[in-house]
Every structure is written in structure tokens, then in C-alpha cells.
Amino acid sequence: MSRADPYRKVRQICLALPEAVEKPFGGHTSPAFRVRDKIFVFCFEVGRPAVNVKGAPGVQEALVEQDPGRYFVPAYTGPKGWVGAYVDGTPDWDEIAELIEDSYRLVAPKRLVSELDGRAPSA
């Protein structure tokens, strides 16, 4: 799998969410995803392809403790509860999608979260 492939999958997951858009973050060239101009996912390289997602209280600690080879406390955003996840190799895409959706729910307006809740489950 090329290094771009994991980000292609992340892009697919993110852009399926209501009103999600891809918009660069600062001067970075890696993808960042927003809803109403609030970032809910950004991609970056830390020697390996990775994503940062906003986590609810306790999520970061639980994931890093559970699998420190896959999850980590990212620089800068880690103290605010964000979780880093490596997306190279064979990540659990269902788990990554769940983390992305949870991050979206933490920053999206209630109306968009309600719209997401009203969708039929994807097959």
C-alpha cells in the first residue's frame, strides 16, 4: 500500500459526514477535515502516516494504554485530549471510522449530529 492510500481511506470516511470538507491546516500539506470550519481530523506524518482525532475525556488514555503501537499522545494537541492513530499497515478501519465519527460529533453543530443520527446504517 502506498503512503497516500491510508489518507484516501480517511478522506472517504470524513467526507461521508454531513457538511464535512477538506481544507488545509496552517501551512501543512497533509489533509485536514472540518465541519463549519472546525477541525475534527487532520493527517500528518510522524515517520509513519497518522491521523489526529478529537477524543472525549478518557478516550486518549484508554487507547494509548490498550495499544501503544497503534495509538499515541500527539504533540501540541495531545494535552487537549486529541488522539494520534497510525494508519499504515493494516489498521482496523472500522475502529478508525468510529474515532473519526466521534471526533466529528464533538465539534459539529447539534443539527448536523442529528442529521448523522437520522441516516440509515450503511451496508
PDB file of N, CA and C in Angstrom:
ATOM      1  N   MET A   1       0.855  -1.183   0.000  1.00  0.00           N
ATOM      2  CA  MET A   1       0.000   0.000   0.000  1.00  0.00           C
ATOM      3  C   MET A   1       0.895   1.239   0.000  1.00  0.00           C
ATOM      4  N   SER A   2       0.613   2.188  -0.876  1.00  0.00           N
ATOM      5  CA  SER A   2       1.406   3.413  -0.904  1.00  0.00           C
ATOM      6  C   SER A   2       1.031   4.285   0.287  1.00  0.00           C
ATOM      7  N   ARG A   3       1.873   5.265   0.584  1.00  0.00           N
ATOM      8  CA  ARG A   3       1.617   6.142   1.718  1.00  0.00           C
ATOM      9  C   ARG A   3       0.344   6.965   1.526  1.00  0.00           C
ATOM     10  N   ALA A   4      -0.050   7.223   0.279  1.00  0.00           N
ATOM     11  CA  ALA A   4      -1.264   8.003   0.026  1.00  0.00           C
ATOM     12  C   ALA A   4      -2.525   7.193   0.293  1.00  0.00           C
ATOM     13  N   ASP A   5      -2.471   5.886   0.168  1.00  0.00           N
ATOM     14  CA  ASP A   5      -3.655   5.050   0.328  1.00  0.00           C
ATOM     15  C   ASP A   5      -4.372   5.220   1.663  1.00  0.00           C
ATOM     16  N   PRO A   6      -3.649   5.237   2.799  1.00  0.00           N
ATOM     17  CA  PRO A   6      -4.387   5.407   4.067  1.00  0.00           C
ATOM     18  C   PRO A   6      -5.144   6.737   4.110  1.00  0.00           C
ATOM     19  N   TYR A   7      -4.544   7.783   3.558  1.00  0.00           N
ATOM     20  CA  TYR A   7      -5.215   9.081   3.576  1.00  0.00           C
ATOM     21  C   TYR A   7      -6.410   9.091   2.636  1.00  0.00           C
ATOM     22  N   ARG A   8      -6.351   8.309   1.577  1.00  0.00           N
ATOM     23  CA  ARG A   8      -7.500   8.194   0.680  1.00  0.00           C
ATOM     24  C   ARG A   8      -8.677   7.587   1.444  1.00  0.00           C
ATOM     25  N   LYS A   9      -8.415   6.576   2.247  1.00  0.00           N
ATOM     26  CA  LYS A   9      -9.467   5.931   3.044  1.00  0.00           C
ATOM     27  C   LYS A   9      -9.991   6.899   4.110  1.00  0.00           C
ATOM     28  N   VAL A  10      -9.095   7.632   4.765  1.00  0.00           N
ATOM     29  CA  VAL A  10      -9.503   8.626   5.768  1.00  0.00           C
ATOM     30  C   VAL A  10     -10.383   9.679   5.098  1.00  0.00           C
ATOM     31  N   ARG A  11      -9.982  10.131   3.923  1.00  0.00           N
ATOM     32  CA  ARG A  11     -10.757  11.134   3.176  1.00  0.00           C
ATOM     33  C   ARG A  11     -12.170  10.609   2.898  1.00  0.00           C
ATOM     34  N   GLN A  12     -12.273   9.374   2.467  1.00  0.00           N
ATOM     35  CA  GLN A  12     -13.568   8.762   2.157  1.00  0.00           C
ATOM     36  C   GLN A  12     -14.459   8.747   3.404  1.00  0.00           C
ATOM     37  N   ILE A  13     -13.903   8.374   4.528  1.00  0.00           N
ATOM     38  CA  ILE A  13     -14.666   8.323   5.780  1.00  0.00           C
ATOM     39  C   ILE A  13     -15.118   9.724   6.181  1.00  0.00           C
ATOM     40  N   CYS A  14     -14.204  10.670   6.157  1.00  0.00           N
ATOM     41  CA  CYS A  14     -14.506  12.036   6.611  1.00  0.00           C
ATOM     42  C   CYS A  14     -15.544  12.719   5.729  1.00  0.00           C
ATOM     43  N   LEU A  15     -15.364  12.636   4.417  1.00  0.00           N
ATOM     44  CA  LEU A  15     -16.241  13.372   3.514  1.00  0.00           C
ATOM     45  C   LEU A  15     -17.638  12.758   3.402  1.00  0.00           C
ATOM     46  N   ALA A  16     -17.845  11.594   3.995  1.00  0.00           N
ATOM     47  CA  ALA A  16     -19.179  10.999   4.043  1.00  0.00           C
ATOM     48  C   ALA A  16     -20.028  11.611   5.163  1.00  0.00           C
ATOM     49  N   LEU A  17     -19.410  12.404   6.028  1.00  0.00           N
ATOM     50  CA  LEU A  17     -20.117  13.022   7.150  1.00  0.00           C
ATOM     51  C   LEU A  17     -20.770  14.330   6.697  1.00  0.00           C
ATOM     52  N   PRO A  18     -21.931  14.694   7.265  1.00  0.00           N
ATOM     53  CA  PRO A  18     -22.650  15.895   6.824  1.00  0.00           C
ATOM     54  C   PRO A  18     -21.799  17.166   6.883  1.00  0.00           C
ATOM     55  N   GLU A  19     -21.743  17.846   5.744  1.00  0.00           N
ATOM     56  CA  GLU A  19     -21.061  19.131   5.589  1.00  0.00           C
ATOM     57  C   GLU A  19     -19.559  19.093   5.870  1.00  0.00           C
ATOM     58  N   ALA A  20     -18.970  17.917   5.896  1.00  0.00           N
ATOM     59  CA  ALA A  20     -17.518  17.828   6.103  1.00  0.00           C
ATOM     60  C   ALA A  20     -16.809  18.279   4.826  1.00  0.00           C
ATOM     61  N   VAL A  21     -15.728  19.007   5.003  1.00  0.00           N
ATOM     62  CA  VAL A  21     -14.925  19.482   3.882  1.00  0.00           C
ATOM     63  C   VAL A  21     -13.454  19.259   4.194  1.00  0.00           C
ATOM     64  N   GLU A  22     -12.684  19.157   3.142  1.00  0.00           N
ATOM     65  CA  GLU A  22     -11.233  19.076   3.287  1.00  0.00           C
ATOM     66  C   GLU A  22     -10.680  20.472   3.078  1.00  0.00           C
ATOM     67  N   LYS A  23      -9.907  20.940   4.048  1.00  0.00           N
ATOM     68  CA  LYS A  23      -9.333  22.282   3.979  1.00  0.00           C
ATOM     69  C   LYS A  23      -7.987  22.231   4.693  1.00  0.00           C
ATOM     70  N   PRO A  24      -6.944  22.737   4.061  1.00  0.00           N
ATOM     71  CA  PRO A  24      -5.618  22.671   4.679  1.00  0.00           C
ATOM     72  C   PRO A  24      -5.590  23.300   6.067  1.00  0.00           C
ATOM     73  N   PHE A  25      -4.652  22.830   6.863  1.00  0.00           N
ATOM     74  CA  PHE A  25      -4.456  23.316   8.225  1.00  0.00           C
ATOM     75  C   PHE A  25      -3.145  24.076   8.262  1.00  0.00           C
ATOM     76  N   GLY A  26      -3.202  25.378   8.492  1.00  0.00           N
ATOM     77  CA  GLY A  26      -1.988  26.188   8.536  1.00  0.00           C
ATOM     78  C   GLY A  26      -1.220  26.052   7.234  1.00  0.00           C
ATOM     79  N   GLY A  27       0.071  25.872   7.320  1.00  0.00           N
ATOM     80  CA  GLY A  27       0.903  25.713   6.141  1.00  0.00           C
ATOM     81  C   GLY A  27       1.176  24.271   5.792  1.00  0.00           C
ATOM     82  N   HIS A  28       0.456  23.352   6.424  1.00  0.00           N
ATOM     83  CA  HIS A  28       0.694  21.932   6.207  1.00  0.00           C
ATOM     84  C   HIS A  28       0.109  21.466   4.876  1.00  0.00           C
ATOM     85  N   THR A  29       0.736  20.469   4.290  1.00  0.00           N
ATOM     86  CA  THR A  29       0.245  19.918   3.027  1.00  0.00           C
ATOM     87  C   THR A  29      -0.601  18.669   3.249  1.00  0.00           C
ATOM     88  N   SER A  30      -0.570  18.104   4.425  1.00  0.00           N
ATOM     89  CA  SER A  30      -1.375  16.916   4.721  1.00  0.00           C
ATOM     90  C   SER A  30      -2.845  17.299   4.837  1.00  0.00           C
ATOM     91  N   PRO A  31      -3.753  16.379   4.514  1.00  0.00           N
ATOM     92  CA  PRO A  31      -5.186  16.682   4.582  1.00  0.00           C
ATOM     93  C   PRO A  31      -5.661  17.013   5.993  1.00  0.00           C
ATOM     94  N   ALA A  32      -6.619  17.908   6.066  1.00  0.00           N
ATOM     95  CA  ALA A  32      -7.324  18.230   7.305  1.00  0.00           C
ATOM     96  C   ALA A  32      -8.808  18.305   6.955  1.00  0.00           C
ATOM     97  N   PHE A  33      -9.645  17.874   7.878  1.00  0.00           N
ATOM     98  CA  PHE A  33     -11.077  17.817   7.616  1.00  0.00           C
ATOM     99  C   PHE A  33     -11.811  18.620   8.671  1.00  0.00           C
ATOM    100  N   ARG A  34     -12.786  19.388   8.195  1.00  0.00           N
ATOM    101  CA  ARG A  34     -13.505  20.322   9.052  1.00  0.00           C
ATOM    102  C   ARG A  34     -15.003  20.204   8.844  1.00  0.00           C
ATOM    103  N   VAL A  35     -15.711  20.654   9.845  1.00  0.00           N
ATOM    104  CA  VAL A  35     -17.140  20.865   9.734  1.00  0.00           C
ATOM    105  C   VAL A  35     -17.390  22.256  10.295  1.00  0.00           C
ATOM    106  N   ARG A  36     -18.005  23.103   9.484  1.00  0.00           N
ATOM    107  CA  ARG A  36     -18.238  24.501   9.866  1.00  0.00           C
ATOM    108  C   ARG A  36     -16.938  25.160  10.345  1.00  0.00           C
ATOM    109  N   ASP A  37     -15.878  24.881   9.649  1.00  0.00           N
ATOM    110  CA  ASP A  37     -14.540  25.423   9.869  1.00  0.00           C
ATOM    111  C   ASP A  37     -13.888  24.975  11.181  1.00  0.00           C
ATOM    112  N   LYS A  38     -14.422  23.950  11.801  1.00  0.00           N
ATOM    113  CA  LYS A  38     -13.790  23.371  12.992  1.00  0.00           C
ATOM    114  C   LYS A  38     -13.150  22.040  12.594  1.00  0.00           C
ATOM    115  N   ILE A  39     -11.880  21.890  12.911  1.00  0.00           N
ATOM    116  CA  ILE A  39     -11.161  20.678  12.544  1.00  0.00           C
ATOM    117  C   ILE A  39     -11.630  19.511  13.414  1.00  0.00           C
ATOM    118  N   PHE A  40     -11.909  18.384  12.752  1.00  0.00           N
ATOM    119  CA  PHE A  40     -12.214  17.170  13.501  1.00  0.00           C
ATOM    120  C   PHE A  40     -11.215  16.054  13.192  1.00  0.00           C
ATOM    121  N   VAL A  41     -10.457  16.173  12.112  1.00  0.00           N
ATOM    122  CA  VAL A  41      -9.395  15.213  11.780  1.00  0.00           C
ATOM    123  C   VAL A  41      -8.321  15.936  11.007  1.00  0.00           C
ATOM    124  N   PHE A  42      -7.066  15.652  11.357  1.00  0.00           N
ATOM    125  CA  PHE A  42      -6.002  16.063  10.453  1.00  0.00           C
ATOM    126  C   PHE A  42      -4.979  14.959  10.350  1.00  0.00           C
ATOM    127  N   CYS A  43      -4.434  14.843   9.152  1.00  0.00           N
ATOM    128  CA  CYS A  43      -3.466  13.805   8.829  1.00  0.00           C
ATOM    129  C   CYS A  43      -2.066  14.402   8.894  1.00  0.00           C
ATOM    130  N   PHE A  44      -1.100  13.579   9.230  1.00  0.00           N
ATOM    131  CA  PHE A  44       0.276  14.041   9.272  1.00  0.00           C
ATOM    132  C   PHE A  44       1.208  12.847   9.321  1.00  0.00           C
ATOM    133  N   GLU A  45       2.464  13.113   9.122  1.00  0.00           N
ATOM    134  CA  GLU A  45       3.488  12.063   9.155  1.00  0.00           C
ATOM    135  C   GLU A  45       4.340  12.248  10.407  1.00  0.00           C
ATOM    136  N   VAL A  46       4.504  11.193  11.150  1.00  0.00           N
ATOM    137  CA  VAL A  46       5.439  11.161  12.283  1.00  0.00           C
ATOM    138  C   VAL A  46       6.318   9.929  12.075  1.00  0.00           C
ATOM    139  N   GLY A  47       6.948   9.906  10.894  1.00  0.00           N
ATOM    140  CA  GLY A  47       7.710   8.741  10.500  1.00  0.00           C
ATOM    141  C   GLY A  47       6.819   7.688   9.856  1.00  0.00           C
ATOM    142  N   ARG A  48       5.539   7.788  10.101  1.00  0.00           N
ATOM    143  CA  ARG A  48       4.514   6.883   9.567  1.00  0.00           C
ATOM    144  C   ARG A  48       3.252   7.708   9.333  1.00  0.00           C
ATOM    145  N   PRO A  49       2.395   7.302   8.410  1.00  0.00           N
ATOM    146  CA  PRO A  49       1.129   8.018   8.234  1.00  0.00           C
ATOM    147  C   PRO A  49       0.276   7.908   9.497  1.00  0.00           C
ATOM    148  N   ALA A  50      -0.296   9.030   9.888  1.00  0.00           N
ATOM    149  CA  ALA A  50      -1.097   9.063  11.105  1.00  0.00           C
ATOM    150  C   ALA A  50      -2.220  10.085  10.969  1.00  0.00           C
ATOM    151  N   VAL A  51      -3.213   9.950  11.838  1.00  0.00           N
ATOM    152  CA  VAL A  51      -4.292  10.926  11.935  1.00  0.00           C
ATOM    153  C   VAL A  51      -4.409  11.367  13.386  1.00  0.00           C
ATOM    154  N   ASN A  52      -4.913  12.575  13.547  1.00  0.00           N
ATOM    155  CA  ASN A  52      -5.250  13.108  14.856  1.00  0.00           C
ATOM    156  C   ASN A  52      -6.756  13.267  14.899  1.00  0.00           C
ATOM    157  N   VAL A  53      -7.381  12.802  15.963  1.00  0.00           N
ATOM    158  CA  VAL A  53      -8.819  12.966  16.152  1.00  0.00           C
ATOM    159  C   VAL A  53      -9.075  13.499  17.552  1.00  0.00           C
ATOM    160  N   LYS A  54     -10.133  14.287  17.669  1.00  0.00           N
ATOM    161  CA  LYS A  54     -10.518  14.795  18.982  1.00  0.00           C
ATOM    162  C   LYS A  54     -11.157  13.649  19.751  1.00  0.00           C
ATOM    163  N   GLY A  55     -10.777  13.501  21.005  1.00  0.00           N
ATOM    164  CA  GLY A  55     -11.325  12.418  21.821  1.00  0.00           C
ATOM    165  C   GLY A  55     -12.113  12.936  23.002  1.00  0.00           C
ATOM    166  N   ALA A  56     -13.132  12.212  23.365  1.00  0.00           N
ATOM    167  CA  ALA A  56     -13.894  12.527  24.579  1.00  0.00           C
ATOM    168  C   ALA A  56     -12.986  12.261  25.784  1.00  0.00           C
ATOM    169  N   PRO A  57     -13.301  12.821  26.935  1.00  0.00           N
ATOM    170  CA  PRO A  57     -12.479  12.576  28.112  1.00  0.00           C
ATOM    171  C   PRO A  57     -12.255  11.083  28.369  1.00  0.00           C
ATOM    172  N   GLY A  58     -10.997  10.724  28.589  1.00  0.00           N
ATOM    173  CA  GLY A  58     -10.639   9.352  28.903  1.00  0.00           C
ATOM    174  C   GLY A  58     -10.322   8.473  27.706  1.00  0.00           C
ATOM    175  N   VAL A  59     -10.732   8.876  26.524  1.00  0.00           N
ATOM    176  CA  VAL A  59     -10.516   8.049  25.329  1.00  0.00           C
ATOM    177  C   VAL A  59      -9.028   7.942  24.994  1.00  0.00           C
ATOM    178  N   GLN A  60      -8.355   9.063  25.001  1.00  0.00           N
ATOM    179  CA  GLN A  60      -6.922   9.056  24.673  1.00  0.00           C
ATOM    180  C   GLN A  60      -6.165   8.084  25.572  1.00  0.00           C
ATOM    181  N   GLU A  61      -6.356   8.208  26.858  1.00  0.00           N
ATOM    182  CA  GLU A  61      -5.639   7.359  27.807  1.00  0.00           C
ATOM    183  C   GLU A  61      -5.962   5.880  27.589  1.00  0.00           C
ATOM    184  N   ALA A  62      -7.237   5.579  27.369  1.00  0.00           N
ATOM    185  CA  ALA A  62      -7.648   4.185  27.187  1.00  0.00           C
ATOM    186  C   ALA A  62      -7.029   3.591  25.928  1.00  0.00           C
ATOM    187  N   LEU A  63      -7.044   4.332  24.825  1.00  0.00           N
ATOM    188  CA  LEU A  63      -6.499   3.803  23.575  1.00  0.00           C
ATOM    189  C   LEU A  63      -4.989   3.634  23.634  1.00  0.00           C
ATOM    190  N   VAL A  64      -4.298   4.617  24.175  1.00  0.00           N
ATOM    191  CA  VAL A  64      -2.837   4.536  24.257  1.00  0.00           C
ATOM    192  C   VAL A  64      -2.425   3.379  25.159  1.00  0.00           C
ATOM    193  N   GLU A  65      -3.148   3.187  26.249  1.00  0.00           N
ATOM    194  CA  GLU A  65      -2.850   2.072  27.152  1.00  0.00           C
ATOM    195  C   GLU A  65      -3.154   0.730  26.480  1.00  0.00           C
ATOM    196  N   GLN A  66      -4.259   0.671  25.757  1.00  0.00           N
ATOM    197  CA  GLN A  66      -4.697  -0.563  25.091  1.00  0.00           C
ATOM    198  C   GLN A  66      -3.734  -0.989  23.987  1.00  0.00           C
ATOM    199  N   ASP A  67      -3.265  -0.027  23.167  1.00  0.00           N
ATOM    200  CA  ASP A  67      -2.426  -0.375  22.021  1.00  0.00           C
ATOM    201  C   ASP A  67      -1.447   0.753  21.703  1.00  0.00           C
ATOM    202  N   PRO A  68      -0.360   0.876  22.482  1.00  0.00           N
ATOM    203  CA  PRO A  68       0.592   1.969  22.273  1.00  0.00           C
ATOM    204  C   PRO A  68       1.362   1.872  20.953  1.00  0.00           C
ATOM    205  N   GLY A  69       1.293   0.746  20.276  1.00  0.00           N
ATOM    206  CA  GLY A  69       1.910   0.628  18.957  1.00  0.00           C
ATOM    207  C   GLY A  69       1.059   1.232  17.853  1.00  0.00           C
ATOM    208  N   ARG A  70      -0.207   1.430  18.139  1.00  0.00           N
ATOM    209  CA  ARG A  70      -1.137   1.989  17.154  1.00  0.00           C
ATOM    210  C   ARG A  70      -1.583   3.396  17.529  1.00  0.00           C
ATOM    211  N   TYR A  71      -1.753   3.671  18.825  1.00  0.00           N
ATOM    212  CA  TYR A  71      -2.263   4.963  19.300  1.00  0.00           C
ATOM    213  C   TYR A  71      -1.202   5.673  20.119  1.00  0.00           C
ATOM    214  N   PHE A  72      -1.231   7.010  20.086  1.00  0.00           N
ATOM    215  CA  PHE A  72      -0.236   7.789  20.814  1.00  0.00           C
ATOM    216  C   PHE A  72      -0.807   9.151  21.185  1.00  0.00           C
ATOM    217  N   VAL A  73      -0.116   9.810  22.109  1.00  0.00           N
ATOM    218  CA  VAL A  73      -0.474  11.168  22.510  1.00  0.00           C
ATOM    219  C   VAL A  73       0.284  12.107  21.581  1.00  0.00           C
ATOM    220  N   PRO A  74      -0.422  12.824  20.711  1.00  0.00           N
ATOM    221  CA  PRO A  74       0.258  13.689  19.761  1.00  0.00           C
ATOM    222  C   PRO A  74       0.799  14.961  20.414  1.00  0.00           C
ATOM    223  N   ALA A  75       1.890  15.461  19.832  1.00  0.00           N
ATOM    224  CA  ALA A  75       2.443  16.740  20.287  1.00  0.00           C
ATOM    225  C   ALA A  75       1.401  17.827  20.028  1.00  0.00           C
ATOM    226  N   TYR A  76       1.433  18.852  20.801  1.00  0.00           N
ATOM    227  CA  TYR A  76       0.589  20.043  20.679  1.00  0.00           C
ATOM    228  C   TYR A  76      -0.881  19.789  21.031  1.00  0.00           C
ATOM    229  N   THR A  77      -1.550  18.854  20.374  1.00  0.00           N
ATOM    230  CA  THR A  77      -2.980  18.640  20.622  1.00  0.00           C
ATOM    231  C   THR A  77      -3.245  17.586  21.687  1.00  0.00           C
ATOM    232  N   GLY A  78      -2.252  16.772  21.996  1.00  0.00           N
ATOM    233  CA  GLY A  78      -2.411  15.717  22.997  1.00  0.00           C
ATOM    234  C   GLY A  78      -2.889  16.214  24.343  1.00  0.00           C
ATOM    235  N   PRO A  79      -2.316  17.313  24.858  1.00  0.00           N
ATOM    236  CA  PRO A  79      -2.782  17.819  26.153  1.00  0.00           C
ATOM    237  C   PRO A  79      -4.255  18.250  26.155  1.00  0.00           C
ATOM    238  N   LYS A  80      -4.829  18.435  24.961  1.00  0.00           N
ATOM    239  CA  LYS A  80      -6.241  18.820  24.864  1.00  0.00           C
ATOM    240  C   LYS A  80      -7.139  17.612  24.587  1.00  0.00           C
ATOM    241  N   GLY A  81      -6.573  16.394  24.715  1.00  0.00           N
ATOM    242  CA  GLY A  81      -7.371  15.186  24.580  1.00  0.00           C
ATOM    243  C   GLY A  81      -7.402  14.557  23.199  1.00  0.00           C
ATOM    244  N   TRP A  82      -6.691  15.141  22.251  1.00  0.00           N
ATOM    245  CA  TRP A  82      -6.671  14.556  20.911  1.00  0.00           C
ATOM    246  C   TRP A  82      -5.857  13.266  20.940  1.00  0.00           C
ATOM    247  N   VAL A  83      -6.196  12.356  20.036  1.00  0.00           N
ATOM    248  CA  VAL A  83      -5.563  11.044  19.961  1.00  0.00           C
ATOM    249  C   VAL A  83      -4.892  10.897  18.605  1.00  0.00           C
ATOM    250  N   GLY A  84      -3.669  10.408  18.603  1.00  0.00           N
ATOM    251  CA  GLY A  84      -2.993  10.082  17.360  1.00  0.00           C
ATOM    252  C   GLY A  84      -3.175   8.602  17.071  1.00  0.00           C
ATOM    253  N   ALA A  85      -3.389   8.288  15.808  1.00  0.00           N
ATOM    254  CA  ALA A  85      -3.540   6.883  15.390  1.00  0.00           C
ATOM    255  C   ALA A  85      -2.754   6.666  14.110  1.00  0.00           C
ATOM    256  N   TYR A  86      -1.870   5.684  14.123  1.00  0.00           N
ATOM    257  CA  TYR A  86      -1.146   5.332  12.902  1.00  0.00           C
ATOM    258  C   TYR A  86      -2.105   4.619  11.969  1.00  0.00           C
ATOM    259  N   VAL A  87      -2.026   4.947  10.673  1.00  0.00           N
ATOM    260  CA  VAL A  87      -2.941   4.344   9.706  1.00  0.00           C
ATOM    261  C   VAL A  87      -2.189   3.608   8.595  1.00  0.00           C
ATOM    262  N   ASP A  88      -0.967   3.201   8.898  1.00  0.00           N
ATOM    263  CA  ASP A  88      -0.232   2.384   7.942  1.00  0.00           C
ATOM    264  C   ASP A  88      -0.435   0.909   8.296  1.00  0.00           C
ATOM    265  N   GLY A  89       0.118   0.042   7.477  1.00  0.00           N
ATOM    266  CA  GLY A  89      -0.036  -1.387   7.747  1.00  0.00           C
ATOM    267  C   GLY A  89      -1.474  -1.816   7.533  1.00  0.00           C
ATOM    268  N   THR A  90      -2.032  -2.461   8.544  1.00  0.00           N
ATOM    269  CA  THR A  90      -3.421  -2.942   8.451  1.00  0.00           C
ATOM    270  C   THR A  90      -4.243  -2.417   9.626  1.00  0.00           C
ATOM    271  N   PRO A  91      -4.559  -1.132   9.603  1.00  0.00           N
ATOM    272  CA  PRO A  91      -5.355  -0.589  10.707  1.00  0.00           C
ATOM    273  C   PRO A  91      -6.758  -1.176  10.704  1.00  0.00           C
ATOM    274  N   ASP A  92      -7.387  -1.138  11.844  1.00  0.00           N
ATOM    275  CA  ASP A  92      -8.786  -1.546  11.965  1.00  0.00           C
ATOM    276  C   ASP A  92      -9.618  -0.357  11.476  1.00  0.00           C
ATOM    277  N   TRP A  93     -10.013  -0.396  10.201  1.00  0.00           N
ATOM    278  CA  TRP A  93     -10.709   0.747   9.608  1.00  0.00           C
ATOM    279  C   TRP A  93     -12.067   1.000  10.256  1.00  0.00           C
ATOM    280  N   ASP A  94     -12.702  -0.014  10.776  1.00  0.00           N
ATOM    281  CA  ASP A  94     -13.964   0.212  11.482  1.00  0.00           C
ATOM    282  C   ASP A  94     -13.713   1.044  12.732  1.00  0.00           C
ATOM    283  N   GLU A  95     -12.626   0.730  13.445  1.00  0.00           N
ATOM    284  CA  GLU A  95     -12.290   1.493  14.645  1.00  0.00           C
ATOM    285  C   GLU A  95     -11.864   2.915  14.290  1.00  0.00           C
ATOM    286  N   ILE A  96     -11.071   3.067  13.229  1.00  0.00           N
ATOM    287  CA  ILE A  96     -10.657   4.404  12.793  1.00  0.00           C
ATOM    288  C   ILE A  96     -11.894   5.215  12.393  1.00  0.00           C
ATOM    289  N   ALA A  97     -12.823   4.610  11.659  1.00  0.00           N
ATOM    290  CA  ALA A  97     -14.055   5.302  11.256  1.00  0.00           C
ATOM    291  C   ALA A  97     -14.869   5.721  12.482  1.00  0.00           C
ATOM    292  N   GLU A  98     -14.905   4.867  13.486  1.00  0.00           N
ATOM    293  CA  GLU A  98     -15.637   5.200  14.719  1.00  0.00           C
ATOM    294  C   GLU A  98     -14.974   6.386  15.430  1.00  0.00           C
ATOM    295  N   LEU A  99     -13.653   6.391  15.488  1.00  0.00           N
ATOM    296  CA  LEU A  99     -12.935   7.509  16.113  1.00  0.00           C
ATOM    297  C   LEU A  99     -13.173   8.805  15.345  1.00  0.00           C
ATOM    298  N   ILE A 100     -13.172   8.718  14.022  1.00  0.00           N
ATOM    299  CA  ILE A 100     -13.419   9.901  13.193  1.00  0.00           C
ATOM    300  C   ILE A 100     -14.833  10.424  13.433  1.00  0.00           C
ATOM    301  N   GLU A 101     -15.810   9.521  13.452  1.00  0.00           N
ATOM    302  CA  GLU A 101     -17.189   9.945  13.689  1.00  0.00           C
ATOM    303  C   GLU A 101     -17.344  10.549  15.087  1.00  0.00           C
ATOM    304  N   ASP A 102     -16.713   9.949  16.080  1.00  0.00           N
ATOM    305  CA  ASP A 102     -16.789  10.502  17.440  1.00  0.00           C
ATOM    306  C   ASP A 102     -16.184  11.901  17.490  1.00  0.00           C
ATOM    307  N   SER A 103     -15.070  12.098  16.800  1.00  0.00           N
ATOM    308  CA  SER A 103     -14.431  13.406  16.750  1.00  0.00           C
ATOM    309  C   SER A 103     -15.362  14.420  16.081  1.00  0.00           C
ATOM    310  N   TYR A 104     -15.970  14.019  14.987  1.00  0.00           N
ATOM    311  CA  TYR A 104     -16.936  14.869  14.281  1.00  0.00           C
ATOM    312  C   TYR A 104     -18.056  15.283  15.240  1.00  0.00           C
ATOM    313  N   ARG A 105     -18.599  14.316  15.963  1.00  0.00           N
ATOM    314  CA  ARG A 105     -19.699  14.592  16.883  1.00  0.00           C
ATOM    315  C   ARG A 105     -19.307  15.604  17.962  1.00  0.00           C
ATOM    316  N   LEU A 106     -18.041  15.619  18.349  1.00  0.00           N
ATOM    317  CA  LEU A 106     -17.581  16.545  19.387  1.00  0.00           C
ATOM    318  C   LEU A 106     -17.479  17.989  18.887  1.00  0.00           C
ATOM    319  N   VAL A 107     -17.348  18.192  17.583  1.00  0.00           N
ATOM    320  CA  VAL A 107     -17.176  19.557  17.072  1.00  0.00           C
ATOM    321  C   VAL A 107     -18.330  20.039  16.196  1.00  0.00           C
ATOM    322  N   ALA A 108     -19.134  19.145  15.652  1.00  0.00           N
ATOM    323  CA  ALA A 108     -20.216  19.528  14.738  1.00  0.00           C
ATOM    324  C   ALA A 108     -21.390  20.150  15.493  1.00  0.00           C
ATOM    325  N   PRO A 109     -22.112  21.041  14.828  1.00  0.00           N
ATOM    326  CA  PRO A 109     -23.339  21.574  15.435  1.00  0.00           C
ATOM    327  C   PRO A 109     -24.359  20.450  15.671  1.00  0.00           C
ATOM    328  N   LYS A 110     -25.197  20.643  16.658  1.00  0.00           N
ATOM    329  CA  LYS A 110     -26.181  19.620  17.033  1.00  0.00           C
ATOM    330  C   LYS A 110     -27.065  19.217  15.859  1.00  0.00           C
ATOM    331  N   ARG A 111     -27.420  20.160  15.007  1.00  0.00           N
ATOM    332  CA  ARG A 111     -28.274  19.845  13.872  1.00  0.00           C
ATOM    333  C   ARG A 111     -27.607  18.837  12.947  1.00  0.00           C
ATOM    334  N   LEU A 112     -26.309  18.988  12.723  1.00  0.00           N
ATOM    335  CA  LEU A 112     -25.598  18.048  11.850  1.00  0.00           C
ATOM    336  C   LEU A 112     -25.420  16.692  12.519  1.00  0.00           C
ATOM    337  N   VAL A 113     -25.227  16.682  13.831  1.00  0.00           N
ATOM    338  CA  VAL A 113     -25.147  15.411  14.553  1.00  0.00           C
ATOM    339  C   VAL A 113     -26.497  14.704  14.465  1.00  0.00           C
ATOM    340  N   SER A 114     -27.603  15.451  14.585  1.00  0.00           N
ATOM    341  CA  SER A 114     -28.936  14.869  14.445  1.00  0.00           C
ATOM    342  C   SER A 114     -29.131  14.313  13.044  1.00  0.00           C
ATOM    343  N   GLU A 115     -28.631  15.027  12.048  1.00  0.00           N
ATOM    344  CA  GLU A 115     -28.716  14.536  10.667  1.00  0.00           C
ATOM    345  C   GLU A 115     -27.945  13.226  10.521  1.00  0.00           C
ATOM    346  N   LEU A 116     -26.773  13.174  11.130  1.00  0.00           N
ATOM    347  CA  LEU A 116     -25.969  11.947  11.092  1.00  0.00           C
ATOM    348  C   LEU A 116     -26.728  10.814  11.783  1.00  0.00           C
ATOM    349  N   ASP A 117     -27.332  11.088  12.916  1.00  0.00           N
ATOM    350  CA  ASP A 117     -28.085  10.068  13.655  1.00  0.00           C
ATOM    351  C   ASP A 117     -29.283   9.557  12.875  1.00  0.00           C
ATOM    352  N   GLY A 118     -29.848  10.405  12.007  1.00  0.00           N
ATOM    353  CA  GLY A 118     -31.023  10.030  11.250  1.00  0.00           C
ATOM    354  C   GLY A 118     -30.726   9.232   9.996  1.00  0.00           C
ATOM    355  N   ARG A 119     -29.469   9.077   9.650  1.00  0.00           N
ATOM    356  CA  ARG A 119     -29.104   8.326   8.447  1.00  0.00           C
ATOM    357  C   ARG A 119     -29.339   6.841   8.656  1.00  0.00           C
ATOM    358  N   ALA A 120     -29.666   6.176   7.575  1.00  0.00           N
ATOM    359  CA  ALA A 120     -29.776   4.708   7.605  1.00  0.00           C
ATOM    360  C   ALA A 120     -28.371   4.138   7.714  1.00  0.00           C
ATOM    361  N   PRO A 121     -28.199   3.055   8.454  1.00  0.00           N
ATOM    362  CA  PRO A 121     -26.860   2.452   8.557  1.00  0.00           C
ATOM    363  C   PRO A 121     -26.369   2.036   7.174  1.00  0.00           C
ATOM    364  N   SER A 122     -25.075   2.262   6.932  1.00  0.00           N
ATOM    365  CA  SER A 122     -24.521   1.859   5.636  1.00  0.00           C
ATOM    366  C   SER A 122     -24.298   0.355   5.619  1.00  0.00           C
ATOM    367  N   ALA A 123     -24.506  -0.215   4.471  1.00  0.00           N
ATOM    368  CA  ALA A 123     -24.378  -1.688   4.327  1.00  0.00           C
ATOM    369  C   ALA A 123     -22.964  -2.070   4.025  1.00  0.00           C
TER     370      ALA A 123
END
